[in-house]
Amino acid sequence: MSSATTGKPFFLWRHLNKLRWLTLTLVFATLLLLPALHLYQTYVAAHAYDLLAPDEQRFYDTMEALSAPFTNDPAKDLDAVKGTTWSANLFGLKLSDPLAALGQAAAGHTLYLPFLLTALIPVLLTLVLGRVFCGWICPATFVYELNTNFSVWLRRLGLKTGTRRFDRRIKYAALGVGLLLSAAAGAVLVAGVYPPAIVGREAYYAIAQGGLGAGSVFFVGTLLFDLLVARRGFCRYVCPGGALYSLLGRFRLVRIRRLVENCNDCAKCNAVCEFALDPLHDGFGQECNNCAACIAVCPTEAMTFTLRLADIPPQGPGHLGHQYRKQHSGDNARHQQAVA
């Protein structure tokens, strides 16, 4: 996926991170819009506009103005789009997070094929594109990355933020324990600690019911953990959904690779990576969510996408870097001496 004549990546790859942020923003906005539409749909179906409180009437009028260009029968037509990133119905297409399907199978002690099929598209996309749900769709990612930017601002003010590192395998244990507890309790307990599911539920509670649930306290706790203990720590070390997507992403077809000929070893790719991977030394692995942040920040266009079933082994220092030039200047000197 790079130019064979110039040795540089396709020029649009550098702008994919902007598209990713636009996607995250739209997904988050949609999660806020859906409960508002559902509440408006309820008001319409009740046929009791005159009985609504003044603020409810203002809400009704606003939603009516927003939805009028798209539907003449909101009580019926707004059923076309329902749900959250945990499980949703999009114009008849039913989609579920793979963790939702797996958690339900564990809690119900049975495999319900129709529900499992709703997770098929996300699973296939992950096998091709990697854990793009985590980087491109997850509504919690939108908040977590804003939290990372906030931590950068705090550091510029001289305040310390979390920099601890833990064993990445903790989240795989969290996934296994969560599924075992779900099986024992007969309830999908993993949903209680899964950030995208929490964000969807809390958005519904806040907008449609005028309050927040206990999940909001847990989610704020994950933000504080990321801020005070470990950068993007919950996703990297605890999230059961992140663990599942990482396992699937290990076999992805689309990967980021380093063009060692263009690399100057500046390490900006490592600095910008939210998951503390090692692009500078070709260390992407199954954790990579193909967010393209390393491609966007690279000053020498040394990062690109490729189609491979495995990462390229470490290629050594970048050819534009000081270490490579020093090594090869010595090799050239020895070669000249040998010839002489």
Protein backbone atom coordinates (compact mmCIF):
# COMPACT_ATOMS: atom_id res chain seq x y z
CA MET A 1 0.00 0.00 0.00
CA SER A 2 2.87 2.33 -0.73
CA SER A 3 4.16 3.74 -3.95
CA ALA A 4 6.54 1.40 -5.73
CA THR A 5 8.22 4.30 -7.55
CA THR A 6 8.77 6.70 -4.67
CA GLY A 7 8.95 4.32 -1.72
CA LYS A 8 6.48 6.52 0.11
CA PRO A 9 3.04 5.68 1.52
CA PHE A 10 -0.16 6.59 -0.26
CA PHE A 11 -0.65 10.28 0.50
CA LEU A 12 -4.13 9.87 1.99
CA TRP A 13 -2.88 7.60 4.77
CA ARG A 14 -1.49 10.66 6.58
CA HIS A 15 -5.00 12.07 6.86
CA LEU A 16 -6.71 8.94 8.15
CA ASN A 17 -6.29 9.98 11.77
CA LYS A 18 -8.42 13.06 11.04
CA LEU A 19 -11.08 10.81 9.52
CA ARG A 20 -10.85 8.59 12.59
CA TRP A 21 -11.55 11.54 14.88
CA LEU A 22 -14.49 12.53 12.71
CA THR A 23 -15.83 8.97 12.95
CA LEU A 24 -15.42 8.88 16.73
CA THR A 25 -17.18 12.23 17.04
CA LEU A 26 -20.09 11.09 14.88
CA VAL A 27 -20.47 7.82 16.81
CA PHE A 28 -20.46 9.67 20.12
CA ALA A 29 -22.97 12.23 18.82
CA THR A 30 -25.18 9.39 17.55
CA LEU A 31 -25.19 7.79 21.00
CA LEU A 32 -26.51 11.07 22.38
CA LEU A 33 -29.04 11.49 19.59
CA LEU A 34 -30.60 8.01 19.77
CA PRO A 35 -32.05 8.28 23.30
CA ALA A 36 -33.34 11.76 22.43
CA LEU A 37 -35.10 10.35 19.37
CA HIS A 38 -36.50 7.49 21.44
CA LEU A 39 -37.90 9.91 24.01
CA TYR A 40 -39.42 12.05 21.26
CA GLN A 41 -40.88 8.91 19.65
CA THR A 42 -42.51 8.05 22.99
CA TYR A 43 -44.08 11.50 23.22
CA VAL A 44 -45.41 11.23 19.65
CA ALA A 45 -46.90 7.78 20.27
CA ALA A 46 -48.65 9.06 23.42
CA HIS A 47 -50.55 11.77 21.47
CA ALA A 48 -50.48 13.99 24.56
CA TYR A 49 -48.55 17.10 23.56
CA ASP A 50 -50.82 19.37 25.61
CA LEU A 51 -50.10 17.35 28.75
CA LEU A 52 -46.35 17.79 28.47
CA ALA A 53 -44.51 20.21 30.72
CA PRO A 54 -43.19 23.39 29.04
CA ASP A 55 -39.59 22.09 28.88
CA GLU A 56 -40.86 18.78 27.45
CA GLN A 57 -42.83 20.68 24.81
CA ARG A 58 -39.70 22.62 23.86
CA PHE A 59 -37.82 19.32 23.58
CA TYR A 60 -40.66 17.90 21.45
CA ASP A 61 -40.60 20.91 19.12
CA THR A 62 -36.83 20.74 18.73
CA MET A 63 -36.80 17.02 17.91
CA GLU A 64 -39.74 17.46 15.55
CA ALA A 65 -37.80 20.12 13.64
CA LEU A 66 -34.73 17.89 13.47
CA SER A 67 -36.53 14.74 12.35
CA ALA A 68 -39.17 16.28 10.05
CA PRO A 69 -36.92 16.28 6.92
CA PHE A 70 -36.36 12.54 7.32
CA THR A 71 -39.71 11.10 8.40
CA ASN A 72 -43.42 11.74 8.30
CA ASP A 73 -44.24 9.07 10.86
CA PRO A 74 -41.68 9.25 13.70
CA ALA A 75 -43.63 6.82 15.91
CA LYS A 76 -42.92 4.11 13.35
CA ASP A 77 -39.97 5.22 11.21
CA LEU A 78 -37.62 5.99 14.10
CA ASP A 79 -37.60 2.27 14.93
CA ALA A 80 -35.22 1.86 11.97
CA VAL A 81 -32.23 2.88 14.09
CA LYS A 82 -32.04 1.65 17.66
CA GLY A 83 -29.45 0.59 20.19
CA THR A 84 -25.84 1.41 21.05
CA THR A 85 -22.40 0.08 20.16
CA TRP A 86 -23.20 -2.90 22.43
CA SER A 87 -26.09 -4.05 20.26
CA ALA A 88 -28.02 -2.17 17.59
CA ASN A 89 -30.54 -2.37 14.79
CA LEU A 90 -29.61 -0.33 11.71
CA PHE A 91 -32.38 -0.35 9.10
CA GLY A 92 -33.04 -4.03 9.67
CA LEU A 93 -29.39 -5.04 10.03
CA LYS A 94 -28.80 -6.33 13.55
CA LEU A 95 -25.28 -5.88 14.89
CA SER A 96 -23.77 -6.79 18.25
CA ASP A 97 -20.41 -6.41 19.87
CA PRO A 98 -18.66 -9.82 19.88
CA LEU A 99 -18.33 -9.49 23.66
CA ALA A 100 -22.12 -9.12 23.90
CA ALA A 101 -22.62 -12.38 22.02
CA LEU A 102 -19.92 -14.19 23.98
CA GLY A 103 -21.18 -12.85 27.30
CA GLN A 104 -24.75 -13.88 26.51
CA ALA A 105 -23.60 -17.36 25.53
CA ALA A 106 -21.73 -17.67 28.83
CA ALA A 107 -24.62 -16.32 30.92
CA GLY A 108 -27.24 -18.44 29.17
CA HIS A 109 -25.09 -21.60 29.02
CA THR A 110 -26.15 -22.00 25.41
CA LEU A 111 -25.28 -20.84 21.92
CA TYR A 112 -28.17 -18.88 20.40
CA LEU A 113 -27.27 -18.83 16.70
CA PRO A 114 -29.32 -15.75 15.62
CA PHE A 115 -27.64 -13.64 18.28
CA LEU A 116 -24.19 -15.00 17.47
CA LEU A 117 -24.76 -14.08 13.82
CA THR A 118 -25.26 -10.44 14.80
CA ALA A 119 -21.60 -10.40 15.87
CA LEU A 120 -20.37 -11.95 12.62
CA ILE A 121 -19.80 -8.67 10.75
CA PRO A 122 -17.74 -7.07 13.58
CA VAL A 123 -15.70 -10.28 13.89
CA LEU A 124 -14.98 -10.40 10.14
CA LEU A 125 -14.06 -6.71 10.09
CA THR A 126 -11.65 -7.29 12.97
CA LEU A 127 -10.04 -10.24 11.21
CA VAL A 128 -9.43 -8.03 8.16
CA LEU A 129 -8.79 -4.59 9.67
CA GLY A 130 -7.69 -5.44 13.21
CA ARG A 131 -9.17 -3.97 16.37
CA VAL A 132 -10.57 -0.93 14.55
CA PHE A 133 -13.61 -0.92 16.86
CA CYS A 134 -11.30 0.16 19.69
CA GLY A 135 -9.65 2.90 17.65
CA TRP A 136 -12.35 4.06 15.25
CA ILE A 137 -15.79 3.33 16.73
CA CYS A 138 -15.71 2.85 20.51
CA PRO A 139 -17.40 5.89 22.11
CA ALA A 140 -15.24 5.51 25.19
CA THR A 141 -12.15 5.99 23.01
CA PHE A 142 -13.44 9.46 22.13
CA VAL A 143 -13.46 10.37 25.83
CA TYR A 144 -10.25 8.52 26.68
CA GLU A 145 -8.23 10.29 24.00
CA LEU A 146 -9.57 13.66 25.14
CA ASN A 147 -8.45 12.58 28.62
CA THR A 148 -4.98 11.85 27.23
CA ASN A 149 -4.86 15.35 25.74
CA PHE A 150 -5.88 16.73 29.12
CA SER A 151 -3.03 14.83 30.78
CA VAL A 152 -0.57 16.36 28.28
CA TRP A 153 -1.88 19.80 29.23
CA LEU A 154 -1.39 18.98 32.92
CA ARG A 155 2.20 17.88 32.33
CA ARG A 156 2.92 21.15 30.56
CA LEU A 157 1.76 22.88 33.72
CA GLY A 158 4.29 20.83 35.67
CA LEU A 159 1.81 18.35 37.19
CA LYS A 160 2.58 14.64 37.22
CA THR A 161 0.32 12.14 35.48
CA GLY A 162 0.33 8.36 35.52
CA THR A 163 3.15 6.61 33.69
CA ARG A 164 3.12 3.16 35.29
CA ARG A 165 3.13 0.03 33.17
CA PHE A 166 1.61 -3.34 33.93
CA ASP A 167 1.44 -6.73 32.27
CA ARG A 168 -0.82 -6.51 29.22
CA ARG A 169 -2.02 -10.06 29.89
CA ILE A 170 -4.09 -8.79 32.82
CA LYS A 171 -6.93 -7.89 30.45
CA TYR A 172 -7.05 -11.42 29.06
CA ALA A 173 -7.44 -12.67 32.61
CA ALA A 174 -10.18 -10.04 33.10
CA LEU A 175 -11.97 -11.37 30.02
CA GLY A 176 -11.78 -14.96 31.24
CA VAL A 177 -12.86 -14.12 34.79
CA GLY A 178 -15.69 -11.94 33.50
CA LEU A 179 -17.07 -14.73 31.33
CA LEU A 180 -16.76 -17.26 34.16
CA LEU A 181 -18.60 -14.94 36.56
CA SER A 182 -21.25 -14.31 33.90
CA ALA A 183 -21.73 -18.06 33.55
CA ALA A 184 -21.95 -18.51 37.31
CA ALA A 185 -24.37 -15.62 37.84
CA GLY A 186 -26.52 -16.22 34.75
CA ALA A 187 -26.10 -12.52 33.82
CA VAL A 188 -23.82 -10.70 31.39
CA LEU A 189 -21.60 -9.21 34.09
CA VAL A 190 -18.87 -8.17 31.65
CA ALA A 191 -21.21 -5.44 30.39
CA GLY A 192 -20.90 -3.77 33.78
CA VAL A 193 -17.18 -3.03 33.28
CA TYR A 194 -17.09 -2.58 29.50
CA PRO A 195 -16.69 1.15 28.70
CA PRO A 196 -18.59 1.35 25.36
CA ALA A 197 -21.56 -0.44 26.91
CA ILE A 198 -21.39 1.86 29.94
CA VAL A 199 -21.26 5.01 27.80
CA GLY A 200 -24.29 3.88 25.81
CA ARG A 201 -26.32 3.06 28.93
CA GLU A 202 -25.39 6.23 30.77
CA ALA A 203 -26.22 8.38 27.74
CA TYR A 204 -29.68 6.80 27.67
CA TYR A 205 -30.18 7.27 31.42
CA ALA A 206 -29.10 10.92 31.26
CA ILE A 207 -31.20 11.93 28.26
CA ALA A 208 -34.24 9.66 28.35
CA GLN A 209 -34.58 9.30 32.13
CA GLY A 210 -32.95 12.46 33.43
CA GLY A 211 -30.33 10.80 35.62
CA LEU A 212 -27.17 8.69 35.74
CA GLY A 213 -26.50 5.15 36.90
CA ALA A 214 -23.66 3.57 38.86
CA GLY A 215 -21.85 2.98 35.60
CA SER A 216 -21.00 6.67 35.40
CA VAL A 217 -19.05 6.42 38.67
CA PHE A 218 -17.13 3.41 37.34
CA PHE A 219 -16.37 5.20 34.07
CA VAL A 220 -15.08 8.28 35.87
CA GLY A 221 -12.90 5.89 37.86
CA THR A 222 -11.36 4.57 34.63
CA LEU A 223 -10.62 8.15 33.55
CA LEU A 224 -8.87 8.84 36.84
CA PHE A 225 -6.95 5.57 36.53
CA ASP A 226 -5.73 6.64 33.09
CA LEU A 227 -4.88 10.12 34.35
CA LEU A 228 -3.19 9.26 37.64
CA VAL A 229 -1.85 5.72 37.26
CA ALA A 230 -1.25 4.59 33.67
CA ARG A 231 -1.73 6.32 30.34
CA ARG A 232 -4.71 4.71 28.61
CA GLY A 233 -4.41 2.14 31.36
CA PHE A 234 -7.92 0.72 31.42
CA CYS A 235 -7.91 -0.13 27.71
CA ARG A 236 -4.37 -1.49 27.83
CA TYR A 237 -4.64 -3.57 30.98
CA VAL A 238 -8.24 -4.19 32.06
CA CYS A 239 -10.86 -3.89 29.30
CA PRO A 240 -12.41 -7.32 28.50
CA GLY A 241 -13.61 -6.14 25.10
CA GLY A 242 -10.15 -4.84 24.27
CA ALA A 243 -8.79 -8.28 25.16
CA LEU A 244 -11.25 -10.01 22.84
CA TYR A 245 -10.57 -7.63 19.96
CA SER A 246 -6.82 -8.02 20.49
CA LEU A 247 -7.11 -11.79 20.23
CA LEU A 248 -9.04 -11.44 16.98
CA GLY A 249 -6.75 -8.66 15.74
CA ARG A 250 -3.74 -10.93 16.00
CA PHE A 251 -4.82 -12.49 12.70
CA ARG A 252 -5.66 -9.22 10.90
CA LEU A 253 -4.84 -8.74 7.24
CA VAL A 254 -4.34 -4.95 7.18
CA ARG A 255 -1.32 -3.83 9.21
CA ILE A 256 0.88 -0.79 9.67
CA ARG A 257 4.52 -1.29 8.75
CA ARG A 258 7.63 0.85 8.95
CA LEU A 259 9.48 1.80 5.76
CA VAL A 260 12.95 1.49 7.22
CA GLU A 261 14.50 3.26 4.22
CA ASN A 262 12.58 6.44 5.10
CA CYS A 263 12.91 6.25 8.90
CA ASN A 264 15.14 8.71 10.78
CA ASP A 265 14.59 7.16 14.25
CA CYS A 266 12.90 10.29 15.61
CA ALA A 267 10.61 8.11 17.81
CA LYS A 268 7.58 10.37 17.31
CA CYS A 269 5.59 7.25 16.36
CA ASN A 270 6.29 5.72 19.78
CA ALA A 271 5.44 8.93 21.58
CA VAL A 272 2.04 9.30 19.94
CA CYS A 273 0.96 5.64 20.28
CA GLU A 274 -1.90 5.47 22.80
CA PHE A 275 -1.19 1.81 23.53
CA ALA A 276 2.55 2.23 24.14
CA LEU A 277 3.53 -0.02 21.25
CA ASP A 278 6.93 0.18 19.57
CA PRO A 279 6.47 1.19 15.90
CA LEU A 280 10.04 2.52 15.85
CA HIS A 281 11.32 -1.05 16.19
CA ASP A 282 8.50 -2.67 14.17
CA GLY A 283 6.73 -3.74 17.36
CA PHE A 284 3.06 -3.44 16.46
CA GLY A 285 1.63 -6.82 17.48
CA GLN A 286 -1.97 -7.76 18.13
CA GLU A 287 -2.62 -4.68 20.27
CA CYS A 288 -2.41 -2.28 17.30
CA ASN A 289 -5.79 -0.78 16.38
CA ASN A 290 -4.66 0.73 13.06
CA CYS A 291 -5.49 4.22 14.31
CA ALA A 292 -2.92 5.73 11.88
CA ALA A 293 -1.66 8.23 14.47
CA CYS A 294 1.91 7.07 13.88
CA ILE A 295 1.45 7.56 10.13
CA ALA A 296 0.11 11.07 10.65
CA VAL A 297 2.94 12.18 12.94
CA CYS A 298 5.87 10.68 10.99
CA PRO A 299 7.94 13.54 9.46
CA THR A 300 9.67 11.36 6.85
CA GLU A 301 6.68 9.30 5.64
CA ALA A 302 8.14 6.11 7.04
CA MET A 303 4.84 4.50 8.05
CA THR A 304 2.30 2.92 5.74
CA PHE A 305 -0.34 0.22 5.52
CA THR A 306 0.38 -3.21 4.13
CA LEU A 307 -1.46 -6.46 3.54
CA ARG A 308 0.23 -9.20 5.57
CA LEU A 309 -0.78 -12.01 7.91
CA ALA A 310 2.07 -11.18 10.29
CA ASP A 311 4.16 -8.18 11.25
CA ILE A 312 7.53 -7.69 9.61
CA PRO A 313 10.38 -8.74 11.97
CA PRO A 314 12.54 -5.93 13.43
CA GLN A 315 14.43 -4.25 10.58
CA GLY A 316 17.03 -2.41 12.61
CA PRO A 317 17.67 1.35 12.76
CA GLY A 318 16.16 3.68 10.18
CA HIS A 319 18.34 4.37 7.16
CA LEU A 320 18.03 8.14 7.65
CA GLY A 321 19.02 7.96 11.30
CA HIS A 322 22.34 8.67 12.97
CA GLN A 323 22.88 5.09 14.18
CA TYR A 324 22.46 3.56 10.73
CA ARG A 325 24.72 6.14 9.07
CA LYS A 326 27.37 5.64 11.75
CA GLN A 327 27.31 1.86 11.33
CA HIS A 328 27.53 2.01 7.58
CA SER A 329 30.16 4.74 7.46
CA GLY A 330 32.33 2.35 9.48
CA ASP A 331 31.50 -0.51 7.12
CA ASN A 332 32.40 1.65 4.13
CA ALA A 333 35.70 2.67 5.73
CA ARG A 334 36.61 -0.95 6.43
CA HIS A 335 35.65 -1.90 2.87
CA GLN A 336 37.89 0.84 1.44
CA GLN A 337 40.77 -0.27 3.64
CA ALA A 338 40.31 -3.86 2.50
CA VAL A 339 40.34 -2.81 -1.15
CA ALA A 340 43.46 -0.69 -0.62
